[in-house]
Amino acid sequence: MLRVMSQRDAERSAVPAAAVQSISPYVNPAHVLAPPRRWLEQLVSGEISWSFFRLRYKSLLRSRYAAEPERFHALLDAAAGGPALVLTCHCLSDRCHRELALEFLERVRVQRPAAAARRLPPAQEWAHSPKPGLVLATLIEHPQPAHAPHP
């Protein structure tokens, strides 16, 4: 389960620290859901409108997802088990990018194949394989043809 709240509300509530993900570019600029700080400053100063910011931020999330979907899937996996994952930021207004981030993650969750939700990244699949050497040997000894031979 995913939830959103302000950083202040999260600190005042009984939300476990492990369940909180700050997506503020001021607190956690490297977070996959954090917009550039400059964008929020432009929004607050009135240089850009909320509509423009929203379109720009959604475009940023789509490009980040295309480049690194596993970072988004990791957030969804963390939200699936245990307590709710809470997305926070420093914004106190009603219009905040955390709502857009939640909307985006929900879309990814719905569109994500069920098998992908349980699939480990390739490096972890090898690490968790009971006998990784045998898997590798099988691939080497019995290579699959690139395409079926013509009759």
N, C-alpha and C. Protein backbone atom coordinates (compact mmCIF):
# COMPACT_ATOMS: atom_id res chain seq x y z
N MET A 1 0.84 -1.17 0.00
CA MET A 1 0.00 0.00 0.00
C MET A 1 0.89 1.24 0.00
N LEU A 2 0.53 2.21 -0.78
CA LEU A 2 1.24 3.48 -0.88
C LEU A 2 0.39 4.59 -0.30
N ARG A 3 1.03 5.50 0.42
CA ARG A 3 0.36 6.67 0.96
C ARG A 3 1.26 7.88 0.76
N VAL A 4 0.68 9.06 0.86
CA VAL A 4 1.46 10.30 0.79
C VAL A 4 1.11 11.18 1.97
N MET A 5 2.08 11.94 2.43
CA MET A 5 1.85 12.94 3.47
C MET A 5 3.04 13.88 3.50
N SER A 6 2.84 15.01 4.14
CA SER A 6 3.95 15.96 4.26
C SER A 6 5.00 15.39 5.21
N GLN A 7 6.20 15.88 5.08
CA GLN A 7 7.29 15.45 5.96
C GLN A 7 6.92 15.74 7.41
N ARG A 8 6.34 16.88 7.65
CA ARG A 8 5.94 17.29 9.00
C ARG A 8 4.92 16.31 9.58
N ASP A 9 3.91 15.95 8.79
CA ASP A 9 2.90 15.02 9.26
C ASP A 9 3.49 13.64 9.55
N ALA A 10 4.43 13.21 8.71
CA ALA A 10 5.08 11.91 8.92
C ALA A 10 5.87 11.91 10.22
N GLU A 11 6.56 13.01 10.50
CA GLU A 11 7.34 13.10 11.73
C GLU A 11 6.45 13.13 12.96
N ARG A 12 5.28 13.71 12.86
CA ARG A 12 4.34 13.80 13.99
C ARG A 12 3.55 12.52 14.20
N SER A 13 3.43 11.71 13.17
CA SER A 13 2.62 10.50 13.26
C SER A 13 3.47 9.32 13.75
N ALA A 14 2.84 8.19 13.85
CA ALA A 14 3.52 6.99 14.32
C ALA A 14 4.02 6.13 13.16
N VAL A 15 4.26 6.73 12.01
CA VAL A 15 4.75 5.99 10.84
C VAL A 15 6.18 5.55 11.12
N PRO A 16 6.48 4.26 11.00
CA PRO A 16 7.86 3.80 11.21
C PRO A 16 8.81 4.46 10.19
N ALA A 17 9.97 4.84 10.64
CA ALA A 17 10.94 5.51 9.77
C ALA A 17 11.30 4.66 8.56
N ALA A 18 11.31 3.36 8.72
CA ALA A 18 11.67 2.47 7.61
C ALA A 18 10.62 2.49 6.50
N ALA A 19 9.40 2.94 6.82
CA ALA A 19 8.33 2.96 5.83
C ALA A 19 8.22 4.30 5.12
N VAL A 20 9.09 5.26 5.46
CA VAL A 20 9.02 6.61 4.90
C VAL A 20 10.06 6.77 3.79
N GLN A 21 9.62 7.28 2.66
CA GLN A 21 10.50 7.60 1.54
C GLN A 21 10.34 9.08 1.24
N SER A 22 11.36 9.88 1.55
CA SER A 22 11.29 11.30 1.24
C SER A 22 11.63 11.50 -0.23
N ILE A 23 10.72 12.15 -0.94
CA ILE A 23 10.95 12.42 -2.37
C ILE A 23 11.18 13.91 -2.59
N SER A 24 11.60 14.59 -1.55
CA SER A 24 11.92 16.02 -1.65
C SER A 24 13.30 16.20 -2.27
N PRO A 25 13.42 17.07 -3.25
CA PRO A 25 14.75 17.31 -3.83
C PRO A 25 15.68 18.02 -2.85
N TYR A 26 15.14 18.58 -1.78
CA TYR A 26 15.96 19.25 -0.77
C TYR A 26 16.50 18.24 0.24
N VAL A 27 15.73 17.20 0.51
CA VAL A 27 16.12 16.19 1.51
C VAL A 27 16.80 15.00 0.84
N ASN A 28 16.26 14.57 -0.30
CA ASN A 28 16.75 13.36 -0.96
C ASN A 28 16.79 13.56 -2.48
N PRO A 29 17.72 14.40 -2.96
CA PRO A 29 17.72 14.73 -4.40
C PRO A 29 17.98 13.55 -5.33
N ALA A 30 18.56 12.47 -4.82
CA ALA A 30 18.86 11.33 -5.67
C ALA A 30 17.68 10.36 -5.79
N HIS A 31 16.60 10.60 -5.07
CA HIS A 31 15.46 9.69 -5.14
C HIS A 31 14.87 9.72 -6.54
N VAL A 32 14.47 8.56 -7.02
CA VAL A 32 13.94 8.44 -8.38
C VAL A 32 12.67 9.28 -8.58
N LEU A 33 11.96 9.60 -7.51
CA LEU A 33 10.74 10.39 -7.63
C LEU A 33 10.94 11.87 -7.34
N ALA A 34 12.15 12.28 -7.00
CA ALA A 34 12.41 13.68 -6.67
C ALA A 34 12.58 14.51 -7.95
N PRO A 35 11.81 15.59 -8.07
CA PRO A 35 12.02 16.48 -9.21
C PRO A 35 13.25 17.35 -8.97
N PRO A 36 13.77 18.00 -9.98
CA PRO A 36 14.86 18.95 -9.76
C PRO A 36 14.40 20.09 -8.84
N ARG A 37 15.25 20.48 -7.95
CA ARG A 37 14.96 21.55 -6.99
C ARG A 37 14.53 22.83 -7.72
N ARG A 38 15.20 23.13 -8.82
CA ARG A 38 14.92 24.33 -9.60
C ARG A 38 13.46 24.39 -10.04
N TRP A 39 12.89 23.24 -10.39
CA TRP A 39 11.50 23.21 -10.83
C TRP A 39 10.55 23.65 -9.72
N LEU A 40 10.79 23.17 -8.51
CA LEU A 40 9.92 23.57 -7.40
C LEU A 40 10.09 25.05 -7.09
N GLU A 41 11.31 25.54 -7.19
CA GLU A 41 11.55 26.97 -6.95
C GLU A 41 10.84 27.82 -8.00
N GLN A 42 10.84 27.38 -9.25
CA GLN A 42 10.14 28.09 -10.31
C GLN A 42 8.63 28.05 -10.08
N LEU A 43 8.13 26.94 -9.58
CA LEU A 43 6.71 26.81 -9.30
C LEU A 43 6.29 27.76 -8.18
N VAL A 44 7.06 27.79 -7.11
CA VAL A 44 6.74 28.65 -5.97
C VAL A 44 6.84 30.13 -6.34
N SER A 45 7.83 30.48 -7.16
CA SER A 45 8.00 31.88 -7.54
C SER A 45 7.00 32.34 -8.60
N GLY A 46 6.28 31.39 -9.21
CA GLY A 46 5.30 31.74 -10.23
C GLY A 46 5.86 31.78 -11.64
N GLU A 47 7.13 31.40 -11.80
CA GLU A 47 7.73 31.37 -13.15
C GLU A 47 7.06 30.34 -14.04
N ILE A 48 6.60 29.24 -13.43
CA ILE A 48 5.89 28.21 -14.19
C ILE A 48 4.57 27.92 -13.47
N SER A 49 3.60 27.45 -14.22
CA SER A 49 2.29 27.13 -13.64
C SER A 49 2.28 25.69 -13.13
N TRP A 50 1.27 25.39 -12.31
CA TRP A 50 1.12 24.02 -11.81
C TRP A 50 0.88 23.07 -12.99
N SER A 51 0.11 23.48 -13.98
CA SER A 51 -0.15 22.63 -15.15
C SER A 51 1.13 22.29 -15.89
N PHE A 52 1.99 23.30 -16.07
CA PHE A 52 3.25 23.06 -16.76
C PHE A 52 4.15 22.16 -15.92
N PHE A 53 4.23 22.43 -14.62
CA PHE A 53 5.05 21.60 -13.74
C PHE A 53 4.57 20.15 -13.79
N ARG A 54 3.26 19.95 -13.72
CA ARG A 54 2.69 18.60 -13.73
C ARG A 54 3.08 17.84 -14.99
N LEU A 55 2.95 18.48 -16.14
CA LEU A 55 3.32 17.83 -17.40
C LEU A 55 4.81 17.51 -17.45
N ARG A 56 5.60 18.45 -17.00
CA ARG A 56 7.05 18.29 -17.00
C ARG A 56 7.48 17.15 -16.06
N TYR A 57 6.89 17.11 -14.88
CA TYR A 57 7.23 16.09 -13.88
C TYR A 57 6.80 14.70 -14.35
N LYS A 58 5.62 14.60 -14.93
CA LYS A 58 5.17 13.30 -15.45
C LYS A 58 6.09 12.81 -16.57
N SER A 59 6.53 13.73 -17.40
CA SER A 59 7.48 13.37 -18.46
C SER A 59 8.80 12.88 -17.86
N LEU A 60 9.26 13.56 -16.82
CA LEU A 60 10.48 13.14 -16.14
C LEU A 60 10.34 11.73 -15.57
N LEU A 61 9.22 11.45 -14.92
CA LEU A 61 9.00 10.11 -14.36
C LEU A 61 8.96 9.04 -15.44
N ARG A 62 8.31 9.35 -16.56
CA ARG A 62 8.27 8.38 -17.67
C ARG A 62 9.67 8.09 -18.20
N SER A 63 10.49 9.12 -18.34
CA SER A 63 11.85 8.88 -18.86
C SER A 63 12.71 8.14 -17.84
N ARG A 64 12.54 8.45 -16.57
CA ARG A 64 13.29 7.71 -15.54
C ARG A 64 12.84 6.26 -15.49
N TYR A 65 11.54 6.04 -15.64
CA TYR A 65 11.04 4.66 -15.63
C TYR A 65 11.57 3.89 -16.83
N ALA A 66 11.61 4.52 -17.98
CA ALA A 66 12.14 3.85 -19.18
C ALA A 66 13.61 3.48 -18.99
N ALA A 67 14.36 4.33 -18.30
CA ALA A 67 15.79 4.08 -18.09
C ALA A 67 16.06 3.08 -16.98
N GLU A 68 15.27 3.13 -15.91
CA GLU A 68 15.53 2.29 -14.74
C GLU A 68 14.23 1.80 -14.10
N PRO A 69 13.51 0.91 -14.75
CA PRO A 69 12.24 0.45 -14.19
C PRO A 69 12.40 -0.28 -12.86
N GLU A 70 13.56 -0.89 -12.65
CA GLU A 70 13.76 -1.65 -11.41
C GLU A 70 13.70 -0.77 -10.16
N ARG A 71 14.06 0.50 -10.28
CA ARG A 71 13.96 1.40 -9.12
C ARG A 71 12.50 1.63 -8.74
N PHE A 72 11.64 1.73 -9.71
CA PHE A 72 10.21 1.90 -9.45
C PHE A 72 9.61 0.60 -8.92
N HIS A 73 10.03 -0.52 -9.50
CA HIS A 73 9.52 -1.81 -9.06
C HIS A 73 9.95 -2.10 -7.62
N ALA A 74 11.13 -1.65 -7.23
CA ALA A 74 11.59 -1.84 -5.86
C ALA A 74 10.69 -1.08 -4.88
N LEU A 75 10.25 0.11 -5.26
CA LEU A 75 9.32 0.86 -4.40
C LEU A 75 7.98 0.12 -4.29
N LEU A 76 7.51 -0.40 -5.40
CA LEU A 76 6.24 -1.13 -5.38
C LEU A 76 6.36 -2.40 -4.55
N ASP A 77 7.48 -3.09 -4.65
CA ASP A 77 7.69 -4.30 -3.85
C ASP A 77 7.74 -3.97 -2.37
N ALA A 78 8.38 -2.86 -2.02
CA ALA A 78 8.45 -2.44 -0.62
C ALA A 78 7.06 -2.08 -0.11
N ALA A 79 6.23 -1.53 -0.97
CA ALA A 79 4.87 -1.15 -0.56
C ALA A 79 3.95 -2.37 -0.46
N ALA A 80 4.30 -3.45 -1.13
CA ALA A 80 3.44 -4.63 -1.16
C ALA A 80 3.48 -5.42 0.14
N GLY A 81 4.62 -5.43 0.80
CA GLY A 81 4.74 -6.22 2.01
C GLY A 81 4.95 -5.34 3.23
N GLY A 82 4.34 -5.71 4.33
CA GLY A 82 4.53 -4.95 5.56
C GLY A 82 3.68 -3.71 5.63
N PRO A 83 4.14 -2.72 6.40
CA PRO A 83 3.36 -1.49 6.55
C PRO A 83 3.35 -0.68 5.26
N ALA A 84 2.42 0.24 5.17
CA ALA A 84 2.30 1.09 3.99
C ALA A 84 3.58 1.89 3.78
N LEU A 85 3.95 2.04 2.54
CA LEU A 85 5.09 2.88 2.18
C LEU A 85 4.55 4.31 2.04
N VAL A 86 5.17 5.24 2.75
CA VAL A 86 4.70 6.61 2.78
C VAL A 86 5.67 7.50 2.02
N LEU A 87 5.18 8.17 0.99
CA LEU A 87 5.97 9.13 0.24
C LEU A 87 5.79 10.50 0.88
N THR A 88 6.89 11.13 1.25
CA THR A 88 6.82 12.43 1.90
C THR A 88 7.67 13.44 1.14
N CYS A 89 7.38 14.70 1.41
CA CYS A 89 8.23 15.79 0.97
C CYS A 89 7.95 17.00 1.86
N HIS A 90 8.67 18.06 1.62
CA HIS A 90 8.56 19.25 2.47
C HIS A 90 7.37 20.14 2.10
N CYS A 91 6.75 19.92 0.96
CA CYS A 91 5.64 20.76 0.50
C CYS A 91 4.49 20.74 1.50
N LEU A 92 3.95 21.89 1.77
CA LEU A 92 2.82 21.99 2.69
C LEU A 92 1.54 22.36 1.98
N SER A 93 1.62 22.74 0.73
CA SER A 93 0.43 23.14 -0.02
C SER A 93 -0.34 21.91 -0.50
N ASP A 94 -1.53 22.17 -1.01
CA ASP A 94 -2.35 21.08 -1.54
C ASP A 94 -1.76 20.50 -2.82
N ARG A 95 -1.11 21.34 -3.58
CA ARG A 95 -0.50 20.89 -4.83
C ARG A 95 0.94 20.48 -4.57
N CYS A 96 1.16 19.21 -4.69
CA CYS A 96 2.50 18.69 -4.40
C CYS A 96 2.82 17.54 -5.36
N HIS A 97 4.09 17.42 -5.69
CA HIS A 97 4.51 16.38 -6.62
C HIS A 97 4.33 14.98 -6.04
N ARG A 98 4.19 14.85 -4.72
CA ARG A 98 4.03 13.51 -4.13
C ARG A 98 2.72 12.87 -4.59
N GLU A 99 1.68 13.67 -4.82
CA GLU A 99 0.42 13.13 -5.34
C GLU A 99 0.62 12.61 -6.77
N LEU A 100 1.38 13.34 -7.56
CA LEU A 100 1.67 12.90 -8.94
C LEU A 100 2.52 11.65 -8.93
N ALA A 101 3.47 11.57 -8.00
CA ALA A 101 4.32 10.39 -7.88
C ALA A 101 3.49 9.17 -7.51
N LEU A 102 2.57 9.35 -6.58
CA LEU A 102 1.68 8.25 -6.18
C LEU A 102 0.85 7.78 -7.36
N GLU A 103 0.30 8.72 -8.09
CA GLU A 103 -0.49 8.39 -9.28
C GLU A 103 0.34 7.60 -10.29
N PHE A 104 1.58 8.03 -10.50
CA PHE A 104 2.45 7.35 -11.45
C PHE A 104 2.77 5.93 -10.98
N LEU A 105 3.11 5.78 -9.71
CA LEU A 105 3.42 4.44 -9.17
C LEU A 105 2.22 3.52 -9.25
N GLU A 106 1.03 4.04 -9.01
CA GLU A 106 -0.17 3.22 -9.12
C GLU A 106 -0.38 2.75 -10.56
N ARG A 107 -0.10 3.61 -11.51
CA ARG A 107 -0.21 3.20 -12.93
C ARG A 107 0.81 2.11 -13.26
N VAL A 108 2.02 2.28 -12.77
CA VAL A 108 3.06 1.27 -13.00
C VAL A 108 2.64 -0.05 -12.38
N ARG A 109 2.10 0.01 -11.16
CA ARG A 109 1.67 -1.20 -10.47
C ARG A 109 0.58 -1.93 -11.25
N VAL A 110 -0.38 -1.21 -11.76
CA VAL A 110 -1.49 -1.82 -12.51
C VAL A 110 -1.00 -2.41 -13.83
N GLN A 111 -0.10 -1.73 -14.49
CA GLN A 111 0.37 -2.17 -15.80
C GLN A 111 1.49 -3.21 -15.72
N ARG A 112 2.08 -3.34 -14.56
CA ARG A 112 3.20 -4.27 -14.38
C ARG A 112 2.70 -5.70 -14.44
N PRO A 113 3.34 -6.53 -15.24
CA PRO A 113 2.93 -7.93 -15.29
C PRO A 113 3.11 -8.59 -13.92
N ALA A 114 2.22 -9.49 -13.58
CA ALA A 114 2.29 -10.17 -12.28
C ALA A 114 3.61 -10.92 -12.12
N ALA A 115 4.12 -11.49 -13.19
CA ALA A 115 5.38 -12.22 -13.10
C ALA A 115 6.54 -11.29 -12.76
N ALA A 116 6.50 -10.06 -13.26
CA ALA A 116 7.59 -9.11 -12.97
C ALA A 116 7.62 -8.73 -11.51
N ALA A 117 6.47 -8.78 -10.85
CA ALA A 117 6.42 -8.43 -9.43
C ALA A 117 7.20 -9.43 -8.59
N ARG A 118 7.26 -10.67 -9.03
CA ARG A 118 7.96 -11.70 -8.26
C ARG A 118 9.36 -11.98 -8.78
N ARG A 119 9.68 -11.50 -9.95
CA ARG A 119 10.96 -11.80 -10.58
C ARG A 119 12.09 -11.00 -9.94
N LEU A 120 13.16 -11.69 -9.63
CA LEU A 120 14.34 -11.05 -9.08
C LEU A 120 15.19 -10.49 -10.22
N PRO A 121 15.96 -9.44 -9.97
CA PRO A 121 16.89 -8.98 -11.00
C PRO A 121 17.85 -10.10 -11.36
N PRO A 122 18.40 -10.14 -12.59
CA PRO A 122 19.24 -11.24 -13.03
C PRO A 122 20.37 -11.59 -12.06
N ALA A 123 21.05 -10.61 -11.50
CA ALA A 123 22.16 -10.91 -10.59
C ALA A 123 21.65 -11.65 -9.36
N GLN A 124 20.49 -11.29 -8.88
CA GLN A 124 19.94 -11.96 -7.70
C GLN A 124 19.41 -13.34 -8.05
N GLU A 125 18.91 -13.52 -9.29
CA GLU A 125 18.47 -14.84 -9.69
C GLU A 125 19.63 -15.82 -9.62
N TRP A 126 20.80 -15.42 -10.10
CA TRP A 126 21.97 -16.29 -10.06
C TRP A 126 22.38 -16.55 -8.62
N ALA A 127 22.33 -15.52 -7.79
CA ALA A 127 22.73 -15.68 -6.40
C ALA A 127 21.79 -16.61 -5.65
N HIS A 128 20.52 -16.65 -6.03
CA HIS A 128 19.55 -17.47 -5.32
C HIS A 128 19.32 -18.82 -6.00
N SER A 129 19.94 -19.05 -7.14
CA SER A 129 19.80 -20.33 -7.82
C SER A 129 20.50 -21.41 -7.00
N PRO A 130 19.88 -22.60 -6.85
CA PRO A 130 20.50 -23.62 -6.02
C PRO A 130 21.86 -24.07 -6.54
N LYS A 131 22.02 -24.15 -7.83
CA LYS A 131 23.28 -24.58 -8.41
C LYS A 131 23.58 -23.72 -9.64
N PRO A 132 24.06 -22.46 -9.43
CA PRO A 132 24.26 -21.58 -10.58
C PRO A 132 25.24 -22.12 -11.60
N GLY A 133 26.22 -22.90 -11.18
CA GLY A 133 27.19 -23.46 -12.12
C GLY A 133 26.54 -24.38 -13.12
N LEU A 134 25.58 -25.18 -12.68
CA LEU A 134 24.88 -26.09 -13.58
C LEU A 134 24.04 -25.33 -14.59
N VAL A 135 23.44 -24.26 -14.17
CA VAL A 135 22.64 -23.46 -15.10
C VAL A 135 23.54 -22.89 -16.18
N LEU A 136 24.66 -22.34 -15.80
CA LEU A 136 25.59 -21.78 -16.76
C LEU A 136 26.13 -22.87 -17.68
N ALA A 137 26.49 -24.03 -17.15
CA ALA A 137 27.02 -25.12 -17.97
C ALA A 137 25.97 -25.58 -18.97
N THR A 138 24.74 -25.66 -18.57
CA THR A 138 23.67 -26.07 -19.47
C THR A 138 23.53 -25.09 -20.62
N LEU A 139 23.62 -23.81 -20.34
CA LEU A 139 23.51 -22.82 -21.40
C LEU A 139 24.68 -22.92 -22.37
N ILE A 140 25.86 -23.20 -21.86
CA ILE A 140 27.03 -23.29 -22.72
C ILE A 140 27.00 -24.57 -23.55
N GLU A 141 26.64 -25.69 -22.93
CA GLU A 141 26.65 -26.97 -23.63
C GLU A 141 25.52 -27.12 -24.63
N HIS A 142 24.40 -26.48 -24.36
CA HIS A 142 23.23 -26.63 -25.23
C HIS A 142 22.72 -25.26 -25.65
N PRO A 143 23.46 -24.55 -26.49
CA PRO A 143 23.00 -23.22 -26.89
C PRO A 143 21.73 -23.30 -27.71
N GLN A 144 20.90 -22.32 -27.55
CA GLN A 144 19.65 -22.25 -28.31
C GLN A 144 19.93 -21.56 -29.64
N PRO A 145 19.39 -22.10 -30.74
CA PRO A 145 19.60 -21.42 -32.03
C PRO A 145 18.91 -20.07 -32.04
N ALA A 146 19.49 -19.13 -32.75
CA ALA A 146 18.92 -17.79 -32.84
C ALA A 146 17.57 -17.84 -33.54
N HIS A 147 17.41 -18.73 -34.47
CA HIS A 147 16.13 -18.89 -35.16
C HIS A 147 16.03 -20.34 -35.61
N ALA A 148 14.84 -20.76 -35.90
CA ALA A 148 14.63 -22.15 -36.33
C ALA A 148 15.22 -22.35 -37.71
N PRO A 149 15.85 -23.50 -37.96
CA PRO A 149 16.40 -23.77 -39.29
C PRO A 149 15.27 -23.91 -40.33
N HIS A 150 15.58 -23.51 -41.52
CA HIS A 150 14.59 -23.62 -42.60
C HIS A 150 14.58 -25.06 -43.12
N PRO A 151 13.40 -25.60 -43.39
CA PRO A 151 13.31 -26.98 -43.90
C PRO A 151 13.78 -27.16 -45.29
